[in-house]
Amino acid sequence: MSLPHVTLIAGPTASGKSRLAMARARETGAVVINADSQQLYADLRVLSARPSPEDEAEIPHRLYGVADAADAWSVGRWSRAVMDLLADLAAEGRPALLVGGTGLYFNALTKGLAEIPPVPAEIRDTVQAAFEAEGEAAFRRRLAEVDPAAEAAVFPGDRQRLVRALSVHRASGRALSAWKADTRPLLTPDRYDALVVEPPRDRLYAACDARVDMMMAHGALDDVRALMARRLDPALPAMKAVGVRELAAHLTGGLSLRDAVEALKQATRNYAKRQLTWFRNQQKDWPRHPGFA
């Protein structure tokens, strides 16, 4: 597949990465592609701080607001959509710029992500029961017979990963380690440049609080009110977006508006902290950009 040159801009929420992406896109003529799982959803325009209509009118944006809240997008589905877009841009001779805060998306592109078949609940439950009945030592011996690499990679006491490894083998007939060994990056290092926007933490947290105030002023409650009216499955990704739970608690009478906003600010800062930790661990070799004051 022919691919254009790709720039990857990662970073936590409210770090200024979208602003940087706009500046780079103006310089290069790149199309901006979304790499944020929450900004996929049309129902979360305000709550996910999607680019403004003015920004979208100035610079071509792709994969923003393309999914309905009732539709769960996986990393694999996003990756396929991105690769199709990149092929189209290559044909047009246009560069691409991917920007967002979802670390798994960047890993899928640059490290690869195994698309392991789903494990039926009945198989998972059976394997879980076997672990509880046999104990870890006997369970490890059984796993080592079919997937010694997976067994060796799991630290003592990590029941979840042990059960996962044997469940995948039972469901697919193939070792989890074999699925992972087939993983290849979608973008080779010569096809992209990358950076992480990483402001000082105090500045980032202040920007998170300001972001929440801005969202509240522009209709974040309306986003959540409309979602609640649809009575969707709470397990859907859109329903677990930062802010939905906090603002829903206000709309149902459980929190005052002031307390809901404070809870949302705390949740946003916590989310930014988790993103910082992810990028420091997973994209530690990428250059850093301090963001904007």
C-alpha atoms as a PDB file:
ATOM      1  CA  MET A   1       0.000   0.000   0.000  1.00  0.00           C
ATOM      2  CA  SER A   2       1.329   3.417  -0.956  1.00  0.00           C
ATOM      3  CA  LEU A   3       1.282   5.808   1.995  1.00  0.00           C
ATOM      4  CA  PRO A   4       1.813   9.553   2.369  1.00  0.00           C
ATOM      5  CA  HIS A   5       4.202  11.097   4.841  1.00  0.00           C
ATOM      6  CA  VAL A   6       2.531  10.974   8.257  1.00  0.00           C
ATOM      7  CA  THR A   7       3.074  13.196  11.282  1.00  0.00           C
ATOM      8  CA  LEU A   8       1.910  11.826  14.647  1.00  0.00           C
ATOM      9  CA  ILE A   9       1.119  14.266  17.457  1.00  0.00           C
ATOM     10  CA  ALA A  10       0.177  12.620  20.752  1.00  0.00           C
ATOM     11  CA  GLY A  11      -0.499  14.109  24.142  1.00  0.00           C
ATOM     12  CA  PRO A  12      -2.863  14.360  27.101  1.00  0.00           C
ATOM     13  CA  THR A  13      -6.129  16.245  27.027  1.00  0.00           C
ATOM     14  CA  ALA A  14      -5.874  20.064  27.139  1.00  0.00           C
ATOM     15  CA  SER A  15      -2.150  19.985  26.305  1.00  0.00           C
ATOM     16  CA  GLY A  16      -2.469  22.096  23.155  1.00  0.00           C
ATOM     17  CA  LYS A  17      -1.886  19.284  20.660  1.00  0.00           C
ATOM     18  CA  SER A  18      -4.835  20.252  18.439  1.00  0.00           C
ATOM     19  CA  ARG A  19      -3.565  23.825  18.252  1.00  0.00           C
ATOM     20  CA  LEU A  20      -0.138  22.537  17.279  1.00  0.00           C
ATOM     21  CA  ALA A  21      -1.704  20.243  14.683  1.00  0.00           C
ATOM     22  CA  MET A  22      -3.544  23.168  13.114  1.00  0.00           C
ATOM     23  CA  ALA A  23      -0.328  25.173  12.909  1.00  0.00           C
ATOM     24  CA  ARG A  24       1.547  22.266  11.283  1.00  0.00           C
ATOM     25  CA  ALA A  25      -1.316  21.589   8.878  1.00  0.00           C
ATOM     26  CA  ARG A  26      -1.288  25.217   7.714  1.00  0.00           C
ATOM     27  CA  GLU A  27       2.434  24.918   6.974  1.00  0.00           C
ATOM     28  CA  THR A  28       2.307  21.577   5.169  1.00  0.00           C
ATOM     29  CA  GLY A  29      -1.177  21.305   3.668  1.00  0.00           C
ATOM     30  CA  ALA A  30      -1.785  18.136   5.681  1.00  0.00           C
ATOM     31  CA  VAL A  31      -5.182  16.615   6.368  1.00  0.00           C
ATOM     32  CA  VAL A  32      -5.798  16.279  10.130  1.00  0.00           C
ATOM     33  CA  ILE A  33      -6.958  12.810  11.206  1.00  0.00           C
ATOM     34  CA  ASN A  34      -8.441  12.066  14.610  1.00  0.00           C
ATOM     35  CA  ALA A  35      -6.555   9.757  16.977  1.00  0.00           C
ATOM     36  CA  ASP A  36      -8.796  10.238  20.005  1.00  0.00           C
ATOM     37  CA  SER A  37     -11.357   7.574  20.864  1.00  0.00           C
ATOM     38  CA  GLN A  38     -13.855  10.017  22.406  1.00  0.00           C
ATOM     39  CA  GLN A  39     -13.774  12.459  19.505  1.00  0.00           C
ATOM     40  CA  LEU A  40     -14.973   9.696  17.178  1.00  0.00           C
ATOM     41  CA  TYR A  41     -18.482  10.053  18.560  1.00  0.00           C
ATOM     42  CA  ALA A  42     -20.913  12.566  17.077  1.00  0.00           C
ATOM     43  CA  ASP A  43     -22.785  12.669  20.401  1.00  0.00           C
ATOM     44  CA  LEU A  44     -19.761  14.045  22.293  1.00  0.00           C
ATOM     45  CA  ARG A  45     -18.935  17.168  20.303  1.00  0.00           C
ATOM     46  CA  VAL A  46     -18.685  19.482  23.322  1.00  0.00           C
ATOM     47  CA  LEU A  47     -17.729  16.961  25.988  1.00  0.00           C
ATOM     48  CA  SER A  48     -14.802  15.608  23.958  1.00  0.00           C
ATOM     49  CA  ALA A  49     -13.611  19.117  22.961  1.00  0.00           C
ATOM     50  CA  ARG A  50     -13.707  18.324  19.263  1.00  0.00           C
ATOM     51  CA  PRO A  51     -12.234  20.864  16.835  1.00  0.00           C
ATOM     52  CA  SER A  52     -14.490  23.834  16.262  1.00  0.00           C
ATOM     53  CA  PRO A  53     -16.568  24.166  13.090  1.00  0.00           C
ATOM     54  CA  GLU A  54     -14.271  27.066  12.156  1.00  0.00           C
ATOM     55  CA  ASP A  55     -11.157  24.863  12.419  1.00  0.00           C
ATOM     56  CA  GLU A  56     -12.844  22.097  10.438  1.00  0.00           C
ATOM     57  CA  ALA A  57     -13.789  24.616   7.753  1.00  0.00           C
ATOM     58  CA  GLU A  58     -10.237  25.942   7.501  1.00  0.00           C
ATOM     59  CA  ILE A  59      -8.342  22.628   7.487  1.00  0.00           C
ATOM     60  CA  PRO A  60      -9.708  19.254   6.295  1.00  0.00           C
ATOM     61  CA  HIS A  61     -10.431  17.022   9.304  1.00  0.00           C
ATOM     62  CA  ARG A  62     -11.226  13.305   9.120  1.00  0.00           C
ATOM     63  CA  LEU A  63     -12.675  10.737  11.571  1.00  0.00           C
ATOM     64  CA  TYR A  64     -14.193  13.344  13.867  1.00  0.00           C
ATOM     65  CA  GLY A  65     -17.795  12.692  14.904  1.00  0.00           C
ATOM     66  CA  VAL A  66     -18.164   9.760  12.508  1.00  0.00           C
ATOM     67  CA  ALA A  67     -19.577   7.242  14.999  1.00  0.00           C
ATOM     68  CA  ASP A  68     -22.916   7.018  16.757  1.00  0.00           C
ATOM     69  CA  ALA A  69     -22.829   6.541  20.524  1.00  0.00           C
ATOM     70  CA  ALA A  70     -24.599   3.186  20.100  1.00  0.00           C
ATOM     71  CA  ASP A  71     -21.728   1.942  17.917  1.00  0.00           C
ATOM     72  CA  ALA A  72     -18.578   0.699  19.680  1.00  0.00           C
ATOM     73  CA  TRP A  73     -15.423   1.316  17.674  1.00  0.00           C
ATOM     74  CA  SER A  74     -12.448  -0.947  18.403  1.00  0.00           C
ATOM     75  CA  VAL A  75      -8.783  -0.096  17.902  1.00  0.00           C
ATOM     76  CA  GLY A  76      -8.809  -2.438  14.912  1.00  0.00           C
ATOM     77  CA  ARG A  77     -11.723  -0.660  13.292  1.00  0.00           C
ATOM     78  CA  TRP A  78     -10.085   2.725  13.788  1.00  0.00           C
ATOM     79  CA  SER A  79      -6.813   1.406  12.373  1.00  0.00           C
ATOM     80  CA  ARG A  80      -8.496   0.103   9.236  1.00  0.00           C
ATOM     81  CA  ALA A  81     -10.276   3.417   8.715  1.00  0.00           C
ATOM     82  CA  VAL A  82      -6.990   5.301   9.102  1.00  0.00           C
ATOM     83  CA  MET A  83      -5.092   3.086   6.668  1.00  0.00           C
ATOM     84  CA  ASP A  84      -7.863   3.517   4.073  1.00  0.00           C
ATOM     85  CA  LEU A  85      -7.642   7.293   4.530  1.00  0.00           C
ATOM     86  CA  LEU A  86      -3.864   7.258   4.191  1.00  0.00           C
ATOM     87  CA  ALA A  87      -4.112   5.311   0.944  1.00  0.00           C
ATOM     88  CA  ASP A  88      -6.544   7.908  -0.408  1.00  0.00           C
ATOM     89  CA  LEU A  89      -4.263  10.776   0.631  1.00  0.00           C
ATOM     90  CA  ALA A  90      -1.267   9.106  -0.985  1.00  0.00           C
ATOM     91  CA  ALA A  91      -3.193   8.981  -4.251  1.00  0.00           C
ATOM     92  CA  GLU A  92      -3.902  12.710  -3.882  1.00  0.00           C
ATOM     93  CA  GLY A  93      -0.308  13.508  -2.975  1.00  0.00           C
ATOM     94  CA  ARG A  94      -1.303  15.037   0.371  1.00  0.00           C
ATOM     95  CA  PRO A  95       0.453  14.529   3.728  1.00  0.00           C
ATOM     96  CA  ALA A  96      -1.432  13.387   6.819  1.00  0.00           C
ATOM     97  CA  LEU A  97      -1.293  14.530  10.408  1.00  0.00           C
ATOM     98  CA  LEU A  98      -2.744  12.311  13.143  1.00  0.00           C
ATOM     99  CA  VAL A  99      -3.463  13.975  16.460  1.00  0.00           C
ATOM    100  CA  GLY A 100      -5.048  12.671  19.644  1.00  0.00           C
ATOM    101  CA  GLY A 101      -4.681  11.293  23.118  1.00  0.00           C
ATOM    102  CA  THR A 102      -5.516   7.597  22.725  1.00  0.00           C
ATOM    103  CA  GLY A 103      -2.259   5.759  23.279  1.00  0.00           C
ATOM    104  CA  LEU A 104      -3.486   2.425  21.918  1.00  0.00           C
ATOM    105  CA  TYR A 105      -4.166   4.070  18.557  1.00  0.00           C
ATOM    106  CA  PHE A 106      -0.568   5.223  18.259  1.00  0.00           C
ATOM    107  CA  ASN A 107       0.704   1.817  19.368  1.00  0.00           C
ATOM    108  CA  ALA A 108      -1.416   0.106  16.728  1.00  0.00           C
ATOM    109  CA  LEU A 109       0.191   2.243  14.026  1.00  0.00           C
ATOM    110  CA  THR A 110       3.804   2.169  15.175  1.00  0.00           C
ATOM    111  CA  LYS A 111       4.095  -1.101  17.101  1.00  0.00           C
ATOM    112  CA  GLY A 112       1.179  -3.166  15.851  1.00  0.00           C
ATOM    113  CA  LEU A 113      -1.728  -4.573  17.780  1.00  0.00           C
ATOM    114  CA  ALA A 114      -2.756  -8.201  17.542  1.00  0.00           C
ATOM    115  CA  GLU A 115      -6.404  -8.626  16.585  1.00  0.00           C
ATOM    116  CA  ILE A 116      -7.055 -11.617  18.795  1.00  0.00           C
ATOM    117  CA  PRO A 117     -10.450 -13.266  18.232  1.00  0.00           C
ATOM    118  CA  PRO A 118     -12.968 -12.626  21.025  1.00  0.00           C
ATOM    119  CA  VAL A 119     -13.289 -15.284  23.686  1.00  0.00           C
ATOM    120  CA  PRO A 120     -16.851 -16.525  24.312  1.00  0.00           C
ATOM    121  CA  ALA A 121     -18.021 -15.900  27.863  1.00  0.00           C
ATOM    122  CA  GLU A 122     -18.650 -19.594  28.502  1.00  0.00           C
ATOM    123  CA  ILE A 123     -15.026 -20.476  27.682  1.00  0.00           C
ATOM    124  CA  ARG A 124     -13.674 -17.669  29.842  1.00  0.00           C
ATOM    125  CA  ASP A 125     -15.891 -18.730  32.747  1.00  0.00           C
ATOM    126  CA  THR A 126     -14.824 -22.369  32.416  1.00  0.00           C
ATOM    127  CA  VAL A 127     -11.136 -21.454  32.408  1.00  0.00           C
ATOM    128  CA  GLN A 128     -11.642 -19.095  35.346  1.00  0.00           C
ATOM    129  CA  ALA A 129     -13.294 -21.898  37.308  1.00  0.00           C
ATOM    130  CA  ALA A 130     -10.393 -24.217  36.492  1.00  0.00           C
ATOM    131  CA  PHE A 131      -7.927 -21.687  37.869  1.00  0.00           C
ATOM    132  CA  GLU A 132      -9.887 -21.372  41.103  1.00  0.00           C
ATOM    133  CA  ALA A 133     -10.175 -25.147  41.450  1.00  0.00           C
ATOM    134  CA  GLU A 134      -6.561 -26.031  40.586  1.00  0.00           C
ATOM    135  CA  GLY A 135      -4.592 -23.114  41.957  1.00  0.00           C
ATOM    136  CA  GLU A 136      -1.943 -21.090  40.156  1.00  0.00           C
ATOM    137  CA  ALA A 137       0.877 -23.648  40.076  1.00  0.00           C
ATOM    138  CA  ALA A 138      -1.188 -26.387  38.416  1.00  0.00           C
ATOM    139  CA  PHE A 139      -2.850 -23.888  36.097  1.00  0.00           C
ATOM    140  CA  ARG A 140       0.544 -22.598  34.973  1.00  0.00           C
ATOM    141  CA  ARG A 141       1.676 -26.129  34.144  1.00  0.00           C
ATOM    142  CA  ARG A 142      -1.396 -26.620  31.989  1.00  0.00           C
ATOM    143  CA  LEU A 143      -0.834 -23.285  30.203  1.00  0.00           C
ATOM    144  CA  ALA A 144       2.852 -24.076  29.663  1.00  0.00           C
ATOM    145  CA  GLU A 145       1.877 -27.212  27.737  1.00  0.00           C
ATOM    146  CA  VAL A 146       0.102 -25.182  25.051  1.00  0.00           C
ATOM    147  CA  ASP A 147       1.751 -21.749  25.300  1.00  0.00           C
ATOM    148  CA  PRO A 148       5.061 -21.782  27.194  1.00  0.00           C
ATOM    149  CA  ALA A 149       5.989 -18.274  26.029  1.00  0.00           C
ATOM    150  CA  ALA A 150       2.793 -16.778  27.448  1.00  0.00           C
ATOM    151  CA  GLU A 151       3.182 -18.660  30.733  1.00  0.00           C
ATOM    152  CA  ALA A 152       6.762 -17.438  31.147  1.00  0.00           C
ATOM    153  CA  ALA A 153       5.768 -13.836  30.483  1.00  0.00           C
ATOM    154  CA  VAL A 154       3.146 -13.617  33.248  1.00  0.00           C
ATOM    155  CA  PHE A 155       4.282 -12.499  36.689  1.00  0.00           C
ATOM    156  CA  PRO A 156       3.303 -14.600  39.709  1.00  0.00           C
ATOM    157  CA  GLY A 157      -0.159 -13.780  41.013  1.00  0.00           C
ATOM    158  CA  ASP A 158      -1.466 -12.301  37.764  1.00  0.00           C
ATOM    159  CA  ARG A 159      -4.534 -14.493  37.480  1.00  0.00           C
ATOM    160  CA  GLN A 160      -6.225 -12.322  34.865  1.00  0.00           C
ATOM    161  CA  ARG A 161      -3.424 -12.674  32.315  1.00  0.00           C
ATOM    162  CA  LEU A 162      -3.034 -16.395  32.951  1.00  0.00           C
ATOM    163  CA  VAL A 163      -6.745 -16.983  32.420  1.00  0.00           C
ATOM    164  CA  ARG A 164      -6.686 -14.772  29.341  1.00  0.00           C
ATOM    165  CA  ALA A 165      -3.833 -16.745  27.764  1.00  0.00           C
ATOM    166  CA  LEU A 166      -5.436 -20.159  28.219  1.00  0.00           C
ATOM    167  CA  SER A 167      -8.864 -18.831  27.211  1.00  0.00           C
ATOM    168  CA  VAL A 168      -7.490 -17.514  23.905  1.00  0.00           C
ATOM    169  CA  HIS A 169      -5.953 -20.896  23.155  1.00  0.00           C
ATOM    170  CA  ARG A 170      -9.174 -22.719  24.004  1.00  0.00           C
ATOM    171  CA  ALA A 171     -11.265 -20.355  21.874  1.00  0.00           C
ATOM    172  CA  SER A 172      -8.998 -20.057  18.830  1.00  0.00           C
ATOM    173  CA  GLY A 173      -6.910 -23.226  18.898  1.00  0.00           C
ATOM    174  CA  ARG A 174      -3.835 -20.999  18.694  1.00  0.00           C
ATOM    175  CA  ALA A 175      -1.432 -19.761  21.352  1.00  0.00           C
ATOM    176  CA  LEU A 176      -1.763 -16.158  22.504  1.00  0.00           C
ATOM    177  CA  SER A 177       1.990 -15.744  21.982  1.00  0.00           C
ATOM    178  CA  ALA A 178       1.551 -16.823  18.346  1.00  0.00           C
ATOM    179  CA  TRP A 179      -1.147 -14.206  17.788  1.00  0.00           C
ATOM    180  CA  LYS A 180       1.149 -11.556  19.242  1.00  0.00           C
ATOM    181  CA  ALA A 181       4.152 -12.736  17.221  1.00  0.00           C
ATOM    182  CA  ASP A 182       2.227 -12.083  14.002  1.00  0.00           C
ATOM    183  CA  THR A 183       1.738  -8.454  14.932  1.00  0.00           C
ATOM    184  CA  ARG A 184       3.427  -5.952  12.634  1.00  0.00           C
ATOM    185  CA  PRO A 185       3.383  -2.145  12.765  1.00  0.00           C
ATOM    186  CA  LEU A 186       1.113  -0.502  10.222  1.00  0.00           C
ATOM    187  CA  LEU A 187       3.585   2.342   9.717  1.00  0.00           C
ATOM    188  CA  THR A 188       7.295   1.669   9.350  1.00  0.00           C
ATOM    189  CA  PRO A 189       9.652   4.219  10.953  1.00  0.00           C
ATOM    190  CA  ASP A 190      10.587   5.729   7.590  1.00  0.00           C
ATOM    191  CA  ARG A 191       6.958   6.692   6.927  1.00  0.00           C
ATOM    192  CA  TYR A 192       6.348   8.967   9.907  1.00  0.00           C
ATOM    193  CA  ASP A 193       7.703  11.525  12.328  1.00  0.00           C
ATOM    194  CA  ALA A 194       6.233  11.864  15.784  1.00  0.00           C
ATOM    195  CA  LEU A 195       6.167  13.926  18.947  1.00  0.00           C
ATOM    196  CA  VAL A 196       4.396  14.077  22.291  1.00  0.00           C
ATOM    197  CA  VAL A 197       2.984  17.361  23.577  1.00  0.00           C
ATOM    198  CA  GLU A 198       3.921  17.388  27.268  1.00  0.00           C
ATOM    199  CA  PRO A 199       3.446  20.670  29.163  1.00  0.00           C
ATOM    200  CA  PRO A 200       4.565  21.051  32.781  1.00  0.00           C
ATOM    201  CA  ARG A 201       2.051  19.285  34.982  1.00  0.00           C
ATOM    202  CA  ASP A 202       0.835  22.370  36.849  1.00  0.00           C
ATOM    203  CA  ARG A 203       0.152  24.152  33.577  1.00  0.00           C
ATOM    204  CA  LEU A 204      -1.580  21.081  32.165  1.00  0.00           C
ATOM    205  CA  TYR A 205      -3.889  20.737  35.167  1.00  0.00           C
ATOM    206  CA  ALA A 206      -4.794  24.421  34.998  1.00  0.00           C
ATOM    207  CA  ALA A 207      -5.601  23.944  31.308  1.00  0.00           C
ATOM    208  CA  CYS A 208      -7.787  20.945  32.193  1.00  0.00           C
ATOM    209  CA  ASP A 209      -9.826  23.069  34.603  1.00  0.00           C
ATOM    210  CA  ALA A 210     -10.157  25.833  32.020  1.00  0.00           C
ATOM    211  CA  ARG A 211     -11.225  23.261  29.424  1.00  0.00           C
ATOM    212  CA  VAL A 212     -14.048  22.070  31.684  1.00  0.00           C
ATOM    213  CA  ASP A 213     -15.268  25.634  32.258  1.00  0.00           C
ATOM    214  CA  MET A 214     -15.280  26.194  28.508  1.00  0.00           C
ATOM    215  CA  MET A 215     -17.195  22.975  27.842  1.00  0.00           C
ATOM    216  CA  MET A 216     -19.792  23.832  30.456  1.00  0.00           C
ATOM    217  CA  ALA A 217     -20.286  27.231  28.844  1.00  0.00           C
ATOM    218  CA  HIS A 218     -20.752  25.666  25.408  1.00  0.00           C
ATOM    219  CA  GLY A 219     -23.311  22.965  26.173  1.00  0.00           C
ATOM    220  CA  ALA A 220     -21.637  19.948  27.785  1.00  0.00           C
ATOM    221  CA  LEU A 221     -24.795  19.334  29.818  1.00  0.00           C
ATOM    222  CA  ASP A 222     -26.796  19.174  26.598  1.00  0.00           C
ATOM    223  CA  ASP A 223     -24.467  16.460  25.270  1.00  0.00           C
ATOM    224  CA  VAL A 224     -25.053  14.342  28.371  1.00  0.00           C
ATOM    225  CA  ARG A 225     -28.784  15.075  28.552  1.00  0.00           C
ATOM    226  CA  ALA A 226     -29.220  13.842  24.960  1.00  0.00           C
ATOM    227  CA  LEU A 227     -27.186  10.702  25.680  1.00  0.00           C
ATOM    228  CA  MET A 228     -29.249   9.891  28.764  1.00  0.00           C
ATOM    229  CA  ALA A 229     -32.467  10.265  26.794  1.00  0.00           C
ATOM    230  CA  ARG A 230     -31.339   7.475  24.473  1.00  0.00           C
ATOM    231  CA  ARG A 231     -31.011   4.961  27.362  1.00  0.00           C
ATOM    232  CA  LEU A 232     -27.948   3.341  25.848  1.00  0.00           C
ATOM    233  CA  ASP A 233     -25.948   0.483  27.358  1.00  0.00           C
ATOM    234  CA  PRO A 234     -23.693   2.032  30.060  1.00  0.00           C
ATOM    235  CA  ALA A 235     -20.864  -0.264  28.888  1.00  0.00           C
ATOM    236  CA  LEU A 236     -20.614   1.445  25.492  1.00  0.00           C
ATOM    237  CA  PRO A 237     -17.415   3.476  25.022  1.00  0.00           C
ATOM    238  CA  ALA A 238     -19.275   6.746  24.481  1.00  0.00           C
ATOM    239  CA  MET A 239     -21.140   6.276  27.761  1.00  0.00           C
ATOM    240  CA  LYS A 240     -17.826   5.871  29.604  1.00  0.00           C
ATOM    241  CA  ALA A 241     -16.328   9.075  28.211  1.00  0.00           C
ATOM    242  CA  VAL A 242     -14.870  11.471  30.763  1.00  0.00           C
ATOM    243  CA  GLY A 243     -17.656  13.684  32.044  1.00  0.00           C
ATOM    244  CA  VAL A 244     -20.677  11.564  31.214  1.00  0.00           C
ATOM    245  CA  ARG A 245     -20.923   9.971  34.650  1.00  0.00           C
ATOM    246  CA  GLU A 246     -20.242  13.211  36.521  1.00  0.00           C
ATOM    247  CA  LEU A 247     -22.743  15.345  34.630  1.00  0.00           C
ATOM    248  CA  ALA A 248     -25.344  12.569  34.572  1.00  0.00           C
ATOM    249  CA  ALA A 249     -25.155  12.526  38.372  1.00  0.00           C
ATOM    250  CA  HIS A 250     -26.183  16.171  38.362  1.00  0.00           C
ATOM    251  CA  LEU A 251     -28.972  15.683  35.828  1.00  0.00           C
ATOM    252  CA  THR A 252     -30.476  12.867  37.919  1.00  0.00           C
ATOM    253  CA  GLY A 253     -30.308  14.934  41.099  1.00  0.00           C
ATOM    254  CA  GLY A 254     -27.376  13.190  42.743  1.00  0.00           C
ATOM    255  CA  LEU A 255     -24.973  16.143  42.640  1.00  0.00           C
ATOM    256  CA  SER A 256     -25.293  19.876  42.610  1.00  0.00           C
ATOM    257  CA  LEU A 257     -24.020  21.538  39.460  1.00  0.00           C
ATOM    258  CA  ARG A 258     -21.062  22.954  41.363  1.00  0.00           C
ATOM    259  CA  ASP A 259     -20.100  19.550  42.746  1.00  0.00           C
ATOM    260  CA  ALA A 260     -20.567  17.908  39.342  1.00  0.00           C
ATOM    261  CA  VAL A 261     -18.260  20.449  37.708  1.00  0.00           C
ATOM    262  CA  GLU A 262     -15.635  19.936  40.411  1.00  0.00           C
ATOM    263  CA  ALA A 263     -15.920  16.165  39.948  1.00  0.00           C
ATOM    264  CA  LEU A 264     -15.510  16.606  36.199  1.00  0.00           C
ATOM    265  CA  LYS A 265     -12.422  18.758  36.693  1.00  0.00           C
ATOM    266  CA  GLN A 266     -10.900  16.088  38.949  1.00  0.00           C
ATOM    267  CA  ALA A 267     -11.766  13.324  36.472  1.00  0.00           C
ATOM    268  CA  THR A 268     -10.221  15.340  33.642  1.00  0.00           C
ATOM    269  CA  ARG A 269      -6.993  15.909  35.583  1.00  0.00           C
ATOM    270  CA  ASN A 270      -6.864  12.208  36.467  1.00  0.00           C
ATOM    271  CA  TYR A 271      -7.353  11.292  32.815  1.00  0.00           C
ATOM    272  CA  ALA A 272      -4.567  13.655  31.756  1.00  0.00           C
ATOM    273  CA  LYS A 273      -2.278  12.107  34.361  1.00  0.00           C
ATOM    274  CA  ARG A 274      -2.963   8.598  33.039  1.00  0.00           C
ATOM    275  CA  GLN A 275      -2.261   9.784  29.504  1.00  0.00           C
ATOM    276  CA  LEU A 276       1.031  11.363  30.587  1.00  0.00           C
ATOM    277  CA  THR A 277       2.057   8.094  32.230  1.00  0.00           C
ATOM    278  CA  TRP A 278       1.140   6.102  29.123  1.00  0.00           C
ATOM    279  CA  PHE A 279       3.130   8.287  26.742  1.00  0.00           C
ATOM    280  CA  ARG A 280       6.146   8.386  29.047  1.00  0.00           C
ATOM    281  CA  ASN A 281       6.163   4.582  29.137  1.00  0.00           C
ATOM    282  CA  GLN A 282       5.066   3.728  25.598  1.00  0.00           C
ATOM    283  CA  GLN A 283       6.372   6.645  23.517  1.00  0.00           C
ATOM    284  CA  LYS A 284       9.388   7.473  25.642  1.00  0.00           C
ATOM    285  CA  ASP A 285      11.680   7.861  22.609  1.00  0.00           C
ATOM    286  CA  TRP A 286       9.454  10.403  20.843  1.00  0.00           C
ATOM    287  CA  PRO A 287      10.564  14.050  20.975  1.00  0.00           C
ATOM    288  CA  ARG A 288       8.676  16.291  23.403  1.00  0.00           C
ATOM    289  CA  HIS A 289       6.951  19.591  22.731  1.00  0.00           C
ATOM    290  CA  PRO A 290       6.041  21.861  25.678  1.00  0.00           C
ATOM    291  CA  GLY A 291       2.660  22.900  24.288  1.00  0.00           C
ATOM    292  CA  PHE A 292       1.413  26.454  24.439  1.00  0.00           C
ATOM    293  CA  ALA A 293       1.196  28.917  27.294  1.00  0.00           C
END
